[in-house]
Amino acid sequence: MKETFEIEGEYIELLGLLKALGIAETGGHAKHIVDSGVVIRNGMIETRRRAKLIKGDEIRIEDLCIELI
């Protein structure tokens, strides 16, 4: 499934994106998702919890694909 997410401002941190999309219910849950190695950013595993995601980035988590606009 492919979705788009509009960033307000210059960037959004990875943990914030997971919470904003409802993928993670809490900050602790978001940290667990990132630490488990299932977040793919632009084809590479992203393990930095506070990675600054920018417009044009593509985030994949299992079957979900999010394009940041």
N, C-alpha and C. Protein backbone atom coordinates (compact mmCIF):
# COMPACT_ATOMS: atom_id res chain seq x y z
N MET A 1 0.85 -1.18 0.00
CA MET A 1 0.00 0.00 0.00
C MET A 1 0.89 1.24 0.00
N LYS A 2 0.55 2.22 -0.83
CA LYS A 2 1.34 3.44 -0.93
C LYS A 2 0.53 4.63 -0.45
N GLU A 3 1.16 5.45 0.38
CA GLU A 3 0.53 6.66 0.92
C GLU A 3 1.47 7.84 0.72
N THR A 4 0.92 9.03 0.86
CA THR A 4 1.76 10.23 0.90
C THR A 4 1.53 10.91 2.24
N PHE A 5 2.54 11.63 2.68
CA PHE A 5 2.46 12.38 3.94
C PHE A 5 3.08 13.74 3.69
N GLU A 6 2.33 14.80 3.96
CA GLU A 6 2.83 16.15 3.73
C GLU A 6 3.55 16.66 4.98
N ILE A 7 4.79 17.05 4.79
CA ILE A 7 5.60 17.58 5.89
C ILE A 7 5.30 19.07 6.06
N GLU A 8 5.06 19.47 7.29
CA GLU A 8 4.91 20.90 7.60
C GLU A 8 6.25 21.36 8.13
N GLY A 9 6.93 22.19 7.39
CA GLY A 9 8.26 22.64 7.79
C GLY A 9 9.32 21.96 6.95
N GLU A 10 10.57 22.06 7.42
CA GLU A 10 11.71 21.55 6.66
C GLU A 10 11.86 20.04 6.74
N TYR A 11 11.52 19.45 7.89
CA TYR A 11 11.69 18.01 8.08
C TYR A 11 10.77 17.51 9.18
N ILE A 12 10.69 16.18 9.32
CA ILE A 12 10.01 15.54 10.44
C ILE A 12 10.92 14.42 10.92
N GLU A 13 11.01 14.25 12.23
CA GLU A 13 11.83 13.17 12.78
C GLU A 13 11.09 11.85 12.59
N LEU A 14 11.86 10.78 12.43
CA LEU A 14 11.29 9.46 12.17
C LEU A 14 10.29 9.05 13.24
N LEU A 15 10.63 9.24 14.50
CA LEU A 15 9.69 8.85 15.57
C LEU A 15 8.39 9.63 15.45
N GLY A 16 8.49 10.91 15.12
CA GLY A 16 7.30 11.74 14.95
C GLY A 16 6.43 11.27 13.79
N LEU A 17 7.07 10.85 12.71
CA LEU A 17 6.31 10.36 11.56
C LEU A 17 5.54 9.09 11.92
N LEU A 18 6.20 8.17 12.61
CA LEU A 18 5.53 6.92 12.99
C LEU A 18 4.32 7.19 13.87
N LYS A 19 4.44 8.15 14.77
CA LYS A 19 3.31 8.49 15.63
C LYS A 19 2.22 9.22 14.85
N ALA A 20 2.62 10.16 13.98
CA ALA A 20 1.64 10.93 13.21
C ALA A 20 0.81 10.05 12.28
N LEU A 21 1.43 9.01 11.74
CA LEU A 21 0.72 8.11 10.84
C LEU A 21 -0.11 7.07 11.57
N GLY A 22 0.07 6.97 12.89
CA GLY A 22 -0.66 5.98 13.67
C GLY A 22 -0.04 4.59 13.61
N ILE A 23 1.17 4.50 13.04
CA ILE A 23 1.88 3.22 13.00
C ILE A 23 2.32 2.85 14.40
N ALA A 24 2.75 3.85 15.17
CA ALA A 24 3.15 3.66 16.56
C ALA A 24 2.15 4.37 17.47
N GLU A 25 1.77 3.71 18.53
CA GLU A 25 0.81 4.29 19.47
C GLU A 25 1.48 5.24 20.45
N THR A 26 2.73 4.95 20.80
CA THR A 26 3.47 5.76 21.78
C THR A 26 4.90 5.97 21.29
N GLY A 27 5.62 6.84 21.98
CA GLY A 27 7.03 7.04 21.65
C GLY A 27 7.84 5.77 21.87
N GLY A 28 7.53 5.03 22.91
CA GLY A 28 8.22 3.78 23.18
C GLY A 28 7.98 2.75 22.09
N HIS A 29 6.75 2.70 21.61
CA HIS A 29 6.40 1.78 20.53
C HIS A 29 7.16 2.18 19.26
N ALA A 30 7.24 3.48 18.99
CA ALA A 30 7.97 3.97 17.81
C ALA A 30 9.45 3.59 17.90
N LYS A 31 10.05 3.72 19.08
CA LYS A 31 11.46 3.35 19.27
C LYS A 31 11.65 1.86 18.99
N HIS A 32 10.73 1.04 19.46
CA HIS A 32 10.81 -0.40 19.24
C HIS A 32 10.76 -0.74 17.75
N ILE A 33 9.87 -0.05 17.02
CA ILE A 33 9.76 -0.29 15.57
C ILE A 33 11.07 0.03 14.88
N VAL A 34 11.66 1.19 15.20
CA VAL A 34 12.92 1.59 14.57
C VAL A 34 14.04 0.62 14.96
N ASP A 35 14.12 0.28 16.23
CA ASP A 35 15.17 -0.62 16.72
C ASP A 35 15.08 -2.02 16.12
N SER A 36 13.89 -2.43 15.69
CA SER A 36 13.72 -3.77 15.14
C SER A 36 14.25 -3.88 13.71
N GLY A 37 14.61 -2.74 13.09
CA GLY A 37 15.23 -2.78 11.76
C GLY A 37 14.26 -2.95 10.60
N VAL A 38 12.99 -2.65 10.80
CA VAL A 38 12.01 -2.83 9.72
C VAL A 38 11.74 -1.56 8.92
N VAL A 39 12.33 -0.43 9.36
CA VAL A 39 12.11 0.83 8.66
C VAL A 39 13.17 0.99 7.57
N ILE A 40 12.71 1.13 6.34
CA ILE A 40 13.59 1.31 5.19
C ILE A 40 13.40 2.73 4.67
N ARG A 41 14.49 3.49 4.61
CA ARG A 41 14.44 4.86 4.09
C ARG A 41 15.25 4.91 2.80
N ASN A 42 14.58 5.22 1.72
CA ASN A 42 15.23 5.32 0.41
C ASN A 42 16.09 4.09 0.11
N GLY A 43 15.56 2.91 0.43
CA GLY A 43 16.24 1.66 0.10
C GLY A 43 17.25 1.17 1.12
N MET A 44 17.48 1.92 2.20
CA MET A 44 18.46 1.54 3.23
C MET A 44 17.75 1.43 4.58
N ILE A 45 18.18 0.47 5.40
CA ILE A 45 17.61 0.34 6.74
C ILE A 45 17.96 1.60 7.55
N GLU A 46 16.94 2.18 8.18
CA GLU A 46 17.15 3.39 8.99
C GLU A 46 17.04 3.01 10.45
N THR A 47 18.12 3.18 11.21
CA THR A 47 18.14 2.83 12.63
C THR A 47 18.24 4.06 13.53
N ARG A 48 18.34 5.24 12.93
CA ARG A 48 18.42 6.47 13.74
C ARG A 48 17.01 6.92 14.09
N ARG A 49 16.69 6.87 15.36
CA ARG A 49 15.34 7.19 15.81
C ARG A 49 14.93 8.61 15.45
N ARG A 50 15.86 9.53 15.54
CA ARG A 50 15.55 10.94 15.28
C ARG A 50 16.05 11.41 13.91
N ALA A 51 16.15 10.48 12.98
CA ALA A 51 16.56 10.83 11.62
C ALA A 51 15.61 11.90 11.08
N LYS A 52 16.19 12.93 10.46
CA LYS A 52 15.39 14.02 9.90
C LYS A 52 14.97 13.65 8.49
N LEU A 53 13.68 13.37 8.34
CA LEU A 53 13.13 12.98 7.06
C LEU A 53 12.69 14.24 6.31
N ILE A 54 12.99 14.28 5.03
CA ILE A 54 12.69 15.46 4.22
C ILE A 54 11.79 15.09 3.05
N LYS A 55 11.27 16.13 2.39
CA LYS A 55 10.42 15.91 1.22
C LYS A 55 11.20 15.11 0.19
N GLY A 56 10.52 14.14 -0.41
CA GLY A 56 11.14 13.28 -1.40
C GLY A 56 11.61 11.95 -0.85
N ASP A 57 11.74 11.85 0.48
CA ASP A 57 12.12 10.57 1.08
C ASP A 57 10.99 9.56 0.91
N GLU A 58 11.38 8.30 0.79
CA GLU A 58 10.41 7.20 0.74
C GLU A 58 10.69 6.27 1.91
N ILE A 59 9.68 6.04 2.71
CA ILE A 59 9.80 5.20 3.89
C ILE A 59 8.97 3.94 3.67
N ARG A 60 9.59 2.78 3.91
CA ARG A 60 8.88 1.50 3.80
C ARG A 60 8.92 0.79 5.15
N ILE A 61 7.76 0.31 5.53
CA ILE A 61 7.63 -0.51 6.74
C ILE A 61 6.74 -1.68 6.35
N GLU A 62 7.38 -2.83 6.16
CA GLU A 62 6.71 -4.04 5.69
C GLU A 62 5.99 -3.74 4.37
N ASP A 63 4.66 -3.84 4.30
CA ASP A 63 3.93 -3.63 3.04
C ASP A 63 3.52 -2.18 2.81
N LEU A 64 3.81 -1.31 3.75
CA LEU A 64 3.42 0.09 3.67
C LEU A 64 4.55 0.94 3.10
N CYS A 65 4.23 1.79 2.14
CA CYS A 65 5.21 2.70 1.55
C CYS A 65 4.67 4.12 1.69
N ILE A 66 5.48 5.01 2.31
CA ILE A 66 5.06 6.38 2.53
C ILE A 66 6.01 7.30 1.78
N GLU A 67 5.45 8.13 0.91
CA GLU A 67 6.24 9.14 0.20
C GLU A 67 6.02 10.48 0.90
N LEU A 68 7.11 11.13 1.27
CA LEU A 68 7.01 12.41 1.96
C LEU A 68 6.97 13.54 0.92
N ILE A 69 5.97 14.40 1.06
CA ILE A 69 5.82 15.53 0.14
C ILE A 69 5.77 16.83 0.89
